[in-house]
Amino acid sequence: MNIWSMISSLIISFRYEFFMPLTDEHRFGMQLAHLTRGWRAELDRRLADLGLSQARWLVLLHLARHEEPPTQRELAQSIGVEGPTLARLLDSLEAQQLVQRQAVLEDRRAKKIVLSDAARPLIEKIETIANALRIELFEGVSEEELRVCMSVHARILANLERS
């Protein structure tokens, strides 16, 4: 994250604090959003040499983590994008011969998305870079701190799913 982004975040936080004091819950949400954007942006920067946009590497990683090839609809839900957006991404990944669409016998309209053999070495590089970043980011965080954080996040996610 560059210095101007950090300064901008501080100014926005100051404005909110000055006019409307923030609760810890509000600060937590802002911090979580800031962490998510920063983490993803840094990973995107590190993966730029592989010629992959954030959207493309995200699709490849999601596919690699599915035990069975998902349908296009399942993949869109997993990634959190609309169907037409994913269709365009898959078109470009298919043109690069990184994925293949395969017919689903039970539903002629559905297509399973399968990683090609050519995608495997690329995914290994993505995973290596992502793991190195993860190690850097969790430096100084104890196992206990991580467990507590994960427990809090799980509780908030459960509340979100109930709402």
N, C-alpha and C. Protein backbone atom coordinates (compact mmCIF):
# COMPACT_ATOMS: atom_id res chain seq x y z
N MET A 1 0.85 -1.17 0.00
CA MET A 1 0.00 0.00 0.00
C MET A 1 0.89 1.23 0.00
N ASN A 2 0.58 2.18 -0.85
CA ASN A 2 1.43 3.36 -0.94
C ASN A 2 1.07 4.38 0.14
N ILE A 3 1.94 5.36 0.31
CA ILE A 3 1.79 6.35 1.37
C ILE A 3 0.52 7.18 1.20
N TRP A 4 0.13 7.47 -0.05
CA TRP A 4 -1.06 8.29 -0.27
C TRP A 4 -2.33 7.55 0.13
N SER A 5 -2.36 6.26 -0.08
CA SER A 5 -3.52 5.48 0.35
C SER A 5 -3.63 5.48 1.87
N MET A 6 -2.48 5.35 2.54
CA MET A 6 -2.50 5.35 4.01
C MET A 6 -2.94 6.71 4.54
N ILE A 7 -2.42 7.79 3.96
CA ILE A 7 -2.80 9.13 4.40
C ILE A 7 -4.30 9.35 4.17
N SER A 8 -4.79 8.93 3.01
CA SER A 8 -6.21 9.07 2.70
C SER A 8 -7.06 8.32 3.72
N SER A 9 -6.66 7.09 4.09
CA SER A 9 -7.39 6.31 5.09
C SER A 9 -7.41 7.02 6.43
N LEU A 10 -6.27 7.58 6.82
CA LEU A 10 -6.20 8.29 8.09
C LEU A 10 -7.10 9.52 8.09
N ILE A 11 -7.11 10.26 7.00
CA ILE A 11 -7.95 11.46 6.90
C ILE A 11 -9.42 11.07 7.00
N ILE A 12 -9.81 10.04 6.27
CA ILE A 12 -11.20 9.58 6.32
C ILE A 12 -11.56 9.14 7.72
N SER A 13 -10.67 8.37 8.37
CA SER A 13 -10.92 7.92 9.74
C SER A 13 -11.06 9.11 10.67
N PHE A 14 -10.19 10.12 10.51
CA PHE A 14 -10.24 11.30 11.36
C PHE A 14 -11.56 12.04 11.18
N ARG A 15 -12.00 12.19 9.94
CA ARG A 15 -13.27 12.88 9.68
C ARG A 15 -14.42 12.17 10.37
N TYR A 16 -14.46 10.85 10.24
CA TYR A 16 -15.52 10.09 10.88
C TYR A 16 -15.45 10.23 12.39
N GLU A 17 -14.25 10.09 12.95
CA GLU A 17 -14.07 10.19 14.40
C GLU A 17 -14.48 11.56 14.91
N PHE A 18 -14.15 12.62 14.17
CA PHE A 18 -14.41 13.98 14.61
C PHE A 18 -15.91 14.27 14.64
N PHE A 19 -16.62 13.87 13.59
CA PHE A 19 -18.04 14.20 13.49
C PHE A 19 -18.94 13.14 14.12
N MET A 20 -18.48 11.93 14.11
CA MET A 20 -19.29 10.84 14.64
C MET A 20 -18.34 9.80 15.24
N PRO A 21 -18.21 9.80 16.56
CA PRO A 21 -17.29 8.84 17.18
C PRO A 21 -17.62 7.41 16.75
N LEU A 22 -16.60 6.67 16.44
CA LEU A 22 -16.79 5.30 15.96
C LEU A 22 -16.78 4.32 17.12
N THR A 23 -17.61 3.30 16.98
CA THR A 23 -17.58 2.21 17.95
C THR A 23 -16.45 1.26 17.58
N ASP A 24 -16.09 0.40 18.52
CA ASP A 24 -15.07 -0.60 18.21
C ASP A 24 -15.53 -1.52 17.09
N GLU A 25 -16.83 -1.80 17.05
CA GLU A 25 -17.36 -2.65 15.99
C GLU A 25 -17.18 -1.98 14.62
N HIS A 26 -17.42 -0.67 14.59
CA HIS A 26 -17.24 0.07 13.34
C HIS A 26 -15.77 0.07 12.92
N ARG A 27 -14.89 0.33 13.89
CA ARG A 27 -13.45 0.32 13.59
C ARG A 27 -13.01 -1.06 13.11
N PHE A 28 -13.55 -2.10 13.74
CA PHE A 28 -13.21 -3.46 13.35
C PHE A 28 -13.59 -3.71 11.90
N GLY A 29 -14.80 -3.31 11.53
CA GLY A 29 -15.26 -3.49 10.15
C GLY A 29 -14.39 -2.74 9.16
N MET A 30 -14.04 -1.49 9.51
CA MET A 30 -13.18 -0.70 8.63
C MET A 30 -11.80 -1.34 8.51
N GLN A 31 -11.28 -1.81 9.65
CA GLN A 31 -9.96 -2.43 9.65
C GLN A 31 -9.96 -3.72 8.84
N LEU A 32 -11.02 -4.49 8.97
CA LEU A 32 -11.13 -5.74 8.21
C LEU A 32 -11.19 -5.46 6.71
N ALA A 33 -11.97 -4.46 6.33
CA ALA A 33 -12.06 -4.09 4.91
C ALA A 33 -10.72 -3.60 4.39
N HIS A 34 -10.04 -2.80 5.20
CA HIS A 34 -8.72 -2.27 4.83
C HIS A 34 -7.71 -3.42 4.67
N LEU A 35 -7.75 -4.37 5.60
CA LEU A 35 -6.87 -5.53 5.55
C LEU A 35 -7.13 -6.35 4.29
N THR A 36 -8.39 -6.60 3.99
CA THR A 36 -8.75 -7.40 2.82
C THR A 36 -8.27 -6.74 1.53
N ARG A 37 -8.55 -5.45 1.40
CA ARG A 37 -8.11 -4.73 0.19
C ARG A 37 -6.59 -4.71 0.08
N GLY A 38 -5.92 -4.43 1.19
CA GLY A 38 -4.46 -4.36 1.17
C GLY A 38 -3.81 -5.69 0.85
N TRP A 39 -4.31 -6.75 1.46
CA TRP A 39 -3.76 -8.09 1.24
C TRP A 39 -3.92 -8.47 -0.24
N ARG A 40 -5.13 -8.26 -0.74
CA ARG A 40 -5.39 -8.64 -2.13
C ARG A 40 -4.56 -7.79 -3.09
N ALA A 41 -4.43 -6.50 -2.80
CA ALA A 41 -3.65 -5.60 -3.67
C ALA A 41 -2.18 -6.00 -3.68
N GLU A 42 -1.65 -6.37 -2.51
CA GLU A 42 -0.24 -6.78 -2.45
C GLU A 42 -0.03 -8.09 -3.20
N LEU A 43 -0.95 -9.03 -3.05
CA LEU A 43 -0.83 -10.29 -3.79
C LEU A 43 -0.94 -10.02 -5.29
N ASP A 44 -1.84 -9.15 -5.67
CA ASP A 44 -1.99 -8.78 -7.08
C ASP A 44 -0.69 -8.20 -7.62
N ARG A 45 -0.06 -7.35 -6.83
CA ARG A 45 1.22 -6.73 -7.25
C ARG A 45 2.29 -7.81 -7.44
N ARG A 46 2.34 -8.76 -6.52
CA ARG A 46 3.37 -9.81 -6.61
C ARG A 46 3.11 -10.79 -7.74
N LEU A 47 1.87 -10.94 -8.13
CA LEU A 47 1.52 -11.88 -9.20
C LEU A 47 1.53 -11.22 -10.58
N ALA A 48 1.76 -9.92 -10.62
CA ALA A 48 1.72 -9.19 -11.89
C ALA A 48 2.71 -9.75 -12.91
N ASP A 49 3.87 -10.22 -12.45
CA ASP A 49 4.87 -10.77 -13.37
C ASP A 49 4.38 -12.04 -14.08
N LEU A 50 3.37 -12.69 -13.52
CA LEU A 50 2.81 -13.89 -14.15
C LEU A 50 1.80 -13.52 -15.23
N GLY A 51 1.52 -12.24 -15.37
CA GLY A 51 0.58 -11.79 -16.39
C GLY A 51 -0.87 -12.08 -16.06
N LEU A 52 -1.15 -12.17 -14.76
CA LEU A 52 -2.52 -12.48 -14.34
C LEU A 52 -3.14 -11.30 -13.61
N SER A 53 -4.37 -11.00 -13.97
CA SER A 53 -5.12 -10.00 -13.21
C SER A 53 -5.65 -10.69 -11.96
N GLN A 54 -6.10 -9.86 -11.01
CA GLN A 54 -6.66 -10.40 -9.78
C GLN A 54 -7.82 -11.34 -10.08
N ALA A 55 -8.67 -10.96 -11.00
CA ALA A 55 -9.82 -11.79 -11.33
C ALA A 55 -9.39 -13.15 -11.85
N ARG A 56 -8.36 -13.18 -12.68
CA ARG A 56 -7.91 -14.46 -13.27
C ARG A 56 -7.26 -15.37 -12.24
N TRP A 57 -6.35 -14.82 -11.41
CA TRP A 57 -5.72 -15.70 -10.43
C TRP A 57 -6.72 -16.18 -9.40
N LEU A 58 -7.73 -15.36 -9.12
CA LEU A 58 -8.76 -15.76 -8.17
C LEU A 58 -9.55 -16.96 -8.70
N VAL A 59 -9.90 -16.91 -9.98
CA VAL A 59 -10.62 -18.03 -10.61
C VAL A 59 -9.76 -19.29 -10.56
N LEU A 60 -8.50 -19.18 -10.93
CA LEU A 60 -7.62 -20.35 -10.95
C LEU A 60 -7.46 -20.96 -9.56
N LEU A 61 -7.28 -20.10 -8.54
CA LEU A 61 -7.13 -20.63 -7.18
C LEU A 61 -8.40 -21.29 -6.69
N HIS A 62 -9.55 -20.70 -6.98
CA HIS A 62 -10.81 -21.32 -6.57
C HIS A 62 -10.98 -22.67 -7.25
N LEU A 63 -10.65 -22.76 -8.52
CA LEU A 63 -10.75 -24.04 -9.22
C LEU A 63 -9.81 -25.07 -8.62
N ALA A 64 -8.61 -24.66 -8.28
CA ALA A 64 -7.62 -25.58 -7.73
C ALA A 64 -8.06 -26.11 -6.36
N ARG A 65 -8.85 -25.34 -5.65
CA ARG A 65 -9.24 -25.72 -4.29
C ARG A 65 -10.54 -26.53 -4.24
N HIS A 66 -11.24 -26.62 -5.36
CA HIS A 66 -12.44 -27.47 -5.42
C HIS A 66 -12.00 -28.92 -5.59
N GLU A 67 -12.62 -29.81 -4.83
CA GLU A 67 -12.27 -31.23 -4.97
C GLU A 67 -12.78 -31.77 -6.30
N GLU A 68 -13.98 -31.38 -6.66
CA GLU A 68 -14.58 -31.78 -7.94
C GLU A 68 -14.74 -30.52 -8.79
N PRO A 69 -14.59 -30.64 -10.10
CA PRO A 69 -14.78 -29.46 -10.94
C PRO A 69 -16.18 -28.87 -10.73
N PRO A 70 -16.26 -27.58 -10.40
CA PRO A 70 -17.56 -26.96 -10.18
C PRO A 70 -18.23 -26.60 -11.50
N THR A 71 -19.53 -26.39 -11.44
CA THR A 71 -20.21 -25.83 -12.60
C THR A 71 -19.89 -24.34 -12.65
N GLN A 72 -20.20 -23.75 -13.77
CA GLN A 72 -19.94 -22.32 -13.92
C GLN A 72 -20.72 -21.53 -12.86
N ARG A 73 -21.95 -21.93 -12.59
CA ARG A 73 -22.78 -21.27 -11.57
C ARG A 73 -22.15 -21.42 -10.18
N GLU A 74 -21.71 -22.63 -9.83
CA GLU A 74 -21.08 -22.85 -8.52
C GLU A 74 -19.82 -22.02 -8.37
N LEU A 75 -19.04 -21.94 -9.43
CA LEU A 75 -17.80 -21.16 -9.39
C LEU A 75 -18.11 -19.68 -9.21
N ALA A 76 -19.12 -19.18 -9.90
CA ALA A 76 -19.50 -17.77 -9.76
C ALA A 76 -19.91 -17.47 -8.32
N GLN A 77 -20.67 -18.38 -7.70
CA GLN A 77 -21.07 -18.19 -6.31
C GLN A 77 -19.87 -18.24 -5.38
N SER A 78 -18.97 -19.17 -5.63
CA SER A 78 -17.77 -19.33 -4.80
C SER A 78 -16.90 -18.08 -4.82
N ILE A 79 -16.77 -17.48 -5.99
CA ILE A 79 -15.91 -16.30 -6.14
C ILE A 79 -16.65 -15.03 -5.76
N GLY A 80 -17.97 -15.04 -5.91
CA GLY A 80 -18.76 -13.86 -5.59
C GLY A 80 -18.88 -12.89 -6.74
N VAL A 81 -19.00 -13.44 -7.96
CA VAL A 81 -19.20 -12.59 -9.14
C VAL A 81 -20.47 -13.04 -9.86
N GLU A 82 -20.95 -12.17 -10.72
CA GLU A 82 -22.12 -12.50 -11.53
C GLU A 82 -21.72 -13.44 -12.67
N GLY A 83 -22.69 -14.21 -13.14
CA GLY A 83 -22.45 -15.17 -14.21
C GLY A 83 -21.80 -14.59 -15.46
N PRO A 84 -22.31 -13.46 -15.99
CA PRO A 84 -21.70 -12.90 -17.21
C PRO A 84 -20.25 -12.46 -17.00
N THR A 85 -19.95 -11.97 -15.81
CA THR A 85 -18.56 -11.56 -15.51
C THR A 85 -17.65 -12.78 -15.55
N LEU A 86 -18.10 -13.87 -14.91
CA LEU A 86 -17.31 -15.09 -14.90
C LEU A 86 -17.18 -15.66 -16.31
N ALA A 87 -18.24 -15.58 -17.09
CA ALA A 87 -18.20 -16.12 -18.46
C ALA A 87 -17.09 -15.45 -19.26
N ARG A 88 -16.95 -14.13 -19.12
CA ARG A 88 -15.88 -13.42 -19.85
C ARG A 88 -14.50 -13.85 -19.35
N LEU A 89 -14.38 -14.01 -18.04
CA LEU A 89 -13.09 -14.47 -17.49
C LEU A 89 -12.75 -15.86 -18.00
N LEU A 90 -13.74 -16.73 -18.00
CA LEU A 90 -13.51 -18.10 -18.47
C LEU A 90 -13.18 -18.12 -19.96
N ASP A 91 -13.80 -17.25 -20.73
CA ASP A 91 -13.46 -17.15 -22.16
C ASP A 91 -11.98 -16.86 -22.33
N SER A 92 -11.47 -15.90 -21.55
CA SER A 92 -10.05 -15.53 -21.70
C SER A 92 -9.14 -16.62 -21.16
N LEU A 93 -9.53 -17.27 -20.06
CA LEU A 93 -8.70 -18.37 -19.52
C LEU A 93 -8.73 -19.57 -20.46
N GLU A 94 -9.86 -19.78 -21.11
CA GLU A 94 -9.96 -20.88 -22.08
C GLU A 94 -9.10 -20.57 -23.31
N ALA A 95 -9.09 -19.32 -23.73
CA ALA A 95 -8.25 -18.91 -24.87
C ALA A 95 -6.77 -19.10 -24.55
N GLN A 96 -6.41 -18.96 -23.28
CA GLN A 96 -5.02 -19.20 -22.84
C GLN A 96 -4.76 -20.68 -22.58
N GLN A 97 -5.77 -21.51 -22.78
CA GLN A 97 -5.71 -22.95 -22.55
C GLN A 97 -5.40 -23.29 -21.10
N LEU A 98 -5.95 -22.51 -20.18
CA LEU A 98 -5.77 -22.77 -18.75
C LEU A 98 -6.97 -23.49 -18.14
N VAL A 99 -8.14 -23.34 -18.76
CA VAL A 99 -9.34 -24.05 -18.31
C VAL A 99 -10.08 -24.61 -19.51
N GLN A 100 -10.96 -25.56 -19.20
CA GLN A 100 -11.82 -26.14 -20.23
C GLN A 100 -13.24 -26.21 -19.67
N ARG A 101 -14.20 -25.97 -20.53
CA ARG A 101 -15.61 -26.15 -20.15
C ARG A 101 -16.03 -27.53 -20.64
N GLN A 102 -16.64 -28.30 -19.75
CA GLN A 102 -17.09 -29.64 -20.13
C GLN A 102 -18.58 -29.77 -19.85
N ALA A 103 -19.28 -30.44 -20.73
CA ALA A 103 -20.72 -30.63 -20.57
C ALA A 103 -21.02 -31.47 -19.33
N VAL A 104 -22.15 -31.18 -18.71
CA VAL A 104 -22.65 -31.95 -17.57
C VAL A 104 -23.74 -32.87 -18.11
N LEU A 105 -23.57 -34.17 -17.91
CA LEU A 105 -24.52 -35.13 -18.48
C LEU A 105 -25.94 -34.92 -17.98
N GLU A 106 -26.11 -34.60 -16.69
CA GLU A 106 -27.43 -34.47 -16.10
C GLU A 106 -28.16 -33.19 -16.52
N ASP A 107 -27.40 -32.19 -16.97
CA ASP A 107 -27.99 -30.90 -17.33
C ASP A 107 -27.25 -30.33 -18.53
N ARG A 108 -27.88 -30.39 -19.68
CA ARG A 108 -27.20 -29.96 -20.91
C ARG A 108 -26.84 -28.48 -20.90
N ARG A 109 -27.54 -27.69 -20.10
CA ARG A 109 -27.26 -26.24 -20.05
C ARG A 109 -26.02 -25.94 -19.21
N ALA A 110 -25.71 -26.81 -18.26
CA ALA A 110 -24.60 -26.56 -17.32
C ALA A 110 -23.27 -27.01 -17.92
N LYS A 111 -22.23 -26.34 -17.48
CA LYS A 111 -20.86 -26.70 -17.88
C LYS A 111 -20.00 -26.80 -16.63
N LYS A 112 -19.22 -27.86 -16.56
CA LYS A 112 -18.22 -27.97 -15.49
C LYS A 112 -16.97 -27.26 -15.97
N ILE A 113 -16.28 -26.61 -15.03
CA ILE A 113 -15.06 -25.89 -15.36
C ILE A 113 -13.89 -26.70 -14.82
N VAL A 114 -13.01 -27.09 -15.72
CA VAL A 114 -11.89 -27.97 -15.39
C VAL A 114 -10.58 -27.26 -15.69
N LEU A 115 -9.64 -27.37 -14.75
CA LEU A 115 -8.30 -26.83 -14.99
C LEU A 115 -7.59 -27.70 -16.01
N SER A 116 -6.87 -27.09 -16.91
CA SER A 116 -6.07 -27.86 -17.86
C SER A 116 -4.73 -28.21 -17.22
N ASP A 117 -4.04 -29.15 -17.82
CA ASP A 117 -2.70 -29.51 -17.33
C ASP A 117 -1.75 -28.32 -17.39
N ALA A 118 -1.95 -27.46 -18.37
CA ALA A 118 -1.08 -26.28 -18.53
C ALA A 118 -1.23 -25.31 -17.36
N ALA A 119 -2.37 -25.36 -16.66
CA ALA A 119 -2.61 -24.44 -15.54
C ALA A 119 -1.88 -24.86 -14.28
N ARG A 120 -1.56 -26.14 -14.14
CA ARG A 120 -0.98 -26.65 -12.88
C ARG A 120 0.32 -25.96 -12.48
N PRO A 121 1.31 -25.83 -13.37
CA PRO A 121 2.54 -25.14 -12.97
C PRO A 121 2.29 -23.67 -12.60
N LEU A 122 1.36 -23.04 -13.28
CA LEU A 122 1.03 -21.65 -12.97
C LEU A 122 0.40 -21.55 -11.58
N ILE A 123 -0.48 -22.48 -11.26
CA ILE A 123 -1.12 -22.48 -9.94
C ILE A 123 -0.08 -22.72 -8.85
N GLU A 124 0.89 -23.58 -9.12
CA GLU A 124 1.96 -23.80 -8.14
C GLU A 124 2.73 -22.52 -7.88
N LYS A 125 2.99 -21.74 -8.93
CA LYS A 125 3.68 -20.45 -8.75
C LYS A 125 2.81 -19.48 -7.95
N ILE A 126 1.53 -19.44 -8.27
CA ILE A 126 0.61 -18.57 -7.53
C ILE A 126 0.61 -18.95 -6.06
N GLU A 127 0.48 -20.25 -5.78
CA GLU A 127 0.46 -20.74 -4.39
C GLU A 127 1.75 -20.41 -3.66
N THR A 128 2.89 -20.56 -4.33
CA THR A 128 4.18 -20.25 -3.72
C THR A 128 4.26 -18.78 -3.33
N ILE A 129 3.85 -17.92 -4.24
CA ILE A 129 3.88 -16.48 -3.97
C ILE A 129 2.88 -16.12 -2.87
N ALA A 130 1.69 -16.70 -2.93
CA ALA A 130 0.66 -16.42 -1.92
C ALA A 130 1.10 -16.91 -0.54
N ASN A 131 1.73 -18.08 -0.48
CA ASN A 131 2.20 -18.61 0.80
C ASN A 131 3.30 -17.74 1.38
N ALA A 132 4.21 -17.26 0.55
CA ALA A 132 5.29 -16.38 1.03
C ALA A 132 4.70 -15.10 1.62
N LEU A 133 3.71 -14.53 0.96
CA LEU A 133 3.06 -13.32 1.48
C LEU A 133 2.36 -13.62 2.80
N ARG A 134 1.65 -14.75 2.87
CA ARG A 134 0.94 -15.13 4.09
C ARG A 134 1.91 -15.24 5.26
N ILE A 135 3.07 -15.85 5.03
CA ILE A 135 4.07 -15.98 6.09
C ILE A 135 4.51 -14.61 6.57
N GLU A 136 4.76 -13.70 5.63
CA GLU A 136 5.16 -12.33 5.99
C GLU A 136 4.08 -11.63 6.81
N LEU A 137 2.83 -11.76 6.38
CA LEU A 137 1.74 -11.05 7.03
C LEU A 137 1.45 -11.57 8.43
N PHE A 138 1.68 -12.84 8.66
CA PHE A 138 1.39 -13.41 9.97
C PHE A 138 2.60 -13.43 10.90
N GLU A 139 3.68 -12.78 10.46
CA GLU A 139 4.87 -12.68 11.30
C GLU A 139 4.50 -11.95 12.60
N GLY A 140 4.87 -12.55 13.73
CA GLY A 140 4.61 -11.95 15.03
C GLY A 140 3.23 -12.23 15.58
N VAL A 141 2.40 -12.96 14.84
CA VAL A 141 1.06 -13.32 15.33
C VAL A 141 1.15 -14.72 15.92
N SER A 142 0.80 -14.84 17.20
CA SER A 142 0.89 -16.14 17.85
C SER A 142 -0.26 -17.04 17.41
N GLU A 143 -0.10 -18.34 17.65
CA GLU A 143 -1.17 -19.29 17.32
C GLU A 143 -2.43 -18.97 18.11
N GLU A 144 -2.25 -18.57 19.36
CA GLU A 144 -3.40 -18.23 20.20
C GLU A 144 -4.14 -17.00 19.65
N GLU A 145 -3.39 -15.99 19.26
CA GLU A 145 -4.02 -14.79 18.67
C GLU A 145 -4.78 -15.15 17.40
N LEU A 146 -4.21 -16.00 16.60
CA LEU A 146 -4.86 -16.42 15.37
C LEU A 146 -6.14 -17.20 15.66
N ARG A 147 -6.10 -18.10 16.65
CA ARG A 147 -7.29 -18.87 17.01
C ARG A 147 -8.41 -17.95 17.49
N VAL A 148 -8.06 -16.96 18.33
CA VAL A 148 -9.07 -16.02 18.83
C VAL A 148 -9.68 -15.24 17.67
N CYS A 149 -8.83 -14.76 16.79
CA CYS A 149 -9.29 -13.99 15.63
C CYS A 149 -10.22 -14.84 14.76
N MET A 150 -9.84 -16.06 14.51
CA MET A 150 -10.67 -16.95 13.68
C MET A 150 -12.01 -17.23 14.36
N SER A 151 -11.99 -17.37 15.68
CA SER A 151 -13.22 -17.62 16.43
C SER A 151 -14.17 -16.42 16.32
N VAL A 152 -13.63 -15.22 16.46
CA VAL A 152 -14.44 -14.01 16.34
C VAL A 152 -15.01 -13.90 14.92
N HIS A 153 -14.17 -14.12 13.93
CA HIS A 153 -14.65 -14.05 12.54
C HIS A 153 -15.74 -15.09 12.28
N ALA A 154 -15.56 -16.29 12.80
CA ALA A 154 -16.56 -17.35 12.61
C ALA A 154 -17.90 -16.95 13.24
N ARG A 155 -17.85 -16.33 14.42
CA ARG A 155 -19.08 -15.90 15.07
C ARG A 155 -19.77 -14.81 14.26
N ILE A 156 -19.00 -13.85 13.78
CA ILE A 156 -19.58 -12.76 12.97
C ILE A 156 -20.17 -13.32 11.67
N LEU A 157 -19.46 -14.26 11.03
CA LEU A 157 -19.98 -14.88 9.81
C LEU A 157 -21.28 -15.63 10.08
N ALA A 158 -21.34 -16.35 11.21
CA ALA A 158 -22.57 -17.07 11.56
C ALA A 158 -23.72 -16.08 11.76
N ASN A 159 -23.44 -14.96 12.43
CA ASN A 159 -24.47 -13.92 12.61
C ASN A 159 -24.91 -13.36 11.27
N LEU A 160 -23.97 -13.17 10.38
CA LEU A 160 -24.27 -12.64 9.05
C LEU A 160 -25.17 -13.61 8.28
N GLU A 161 -24.87 -14.89 8.37
CA GLU A 161 -25.67 -15.89 7.66
C GLU A 161 -27.09 -15.99 8.21
N ARG A 162 -27.25 -15.69 9.51
CA ARG A 162 -28.58 -15.72 10.13
C ARG A 162 -29.41 -14.50 9.77
N SER A 163 -28.74 -13.41 9.43
CA SER A 163 -29.50 -12.16 9.19
C SER A 163 -30.13 -12.12 7.81
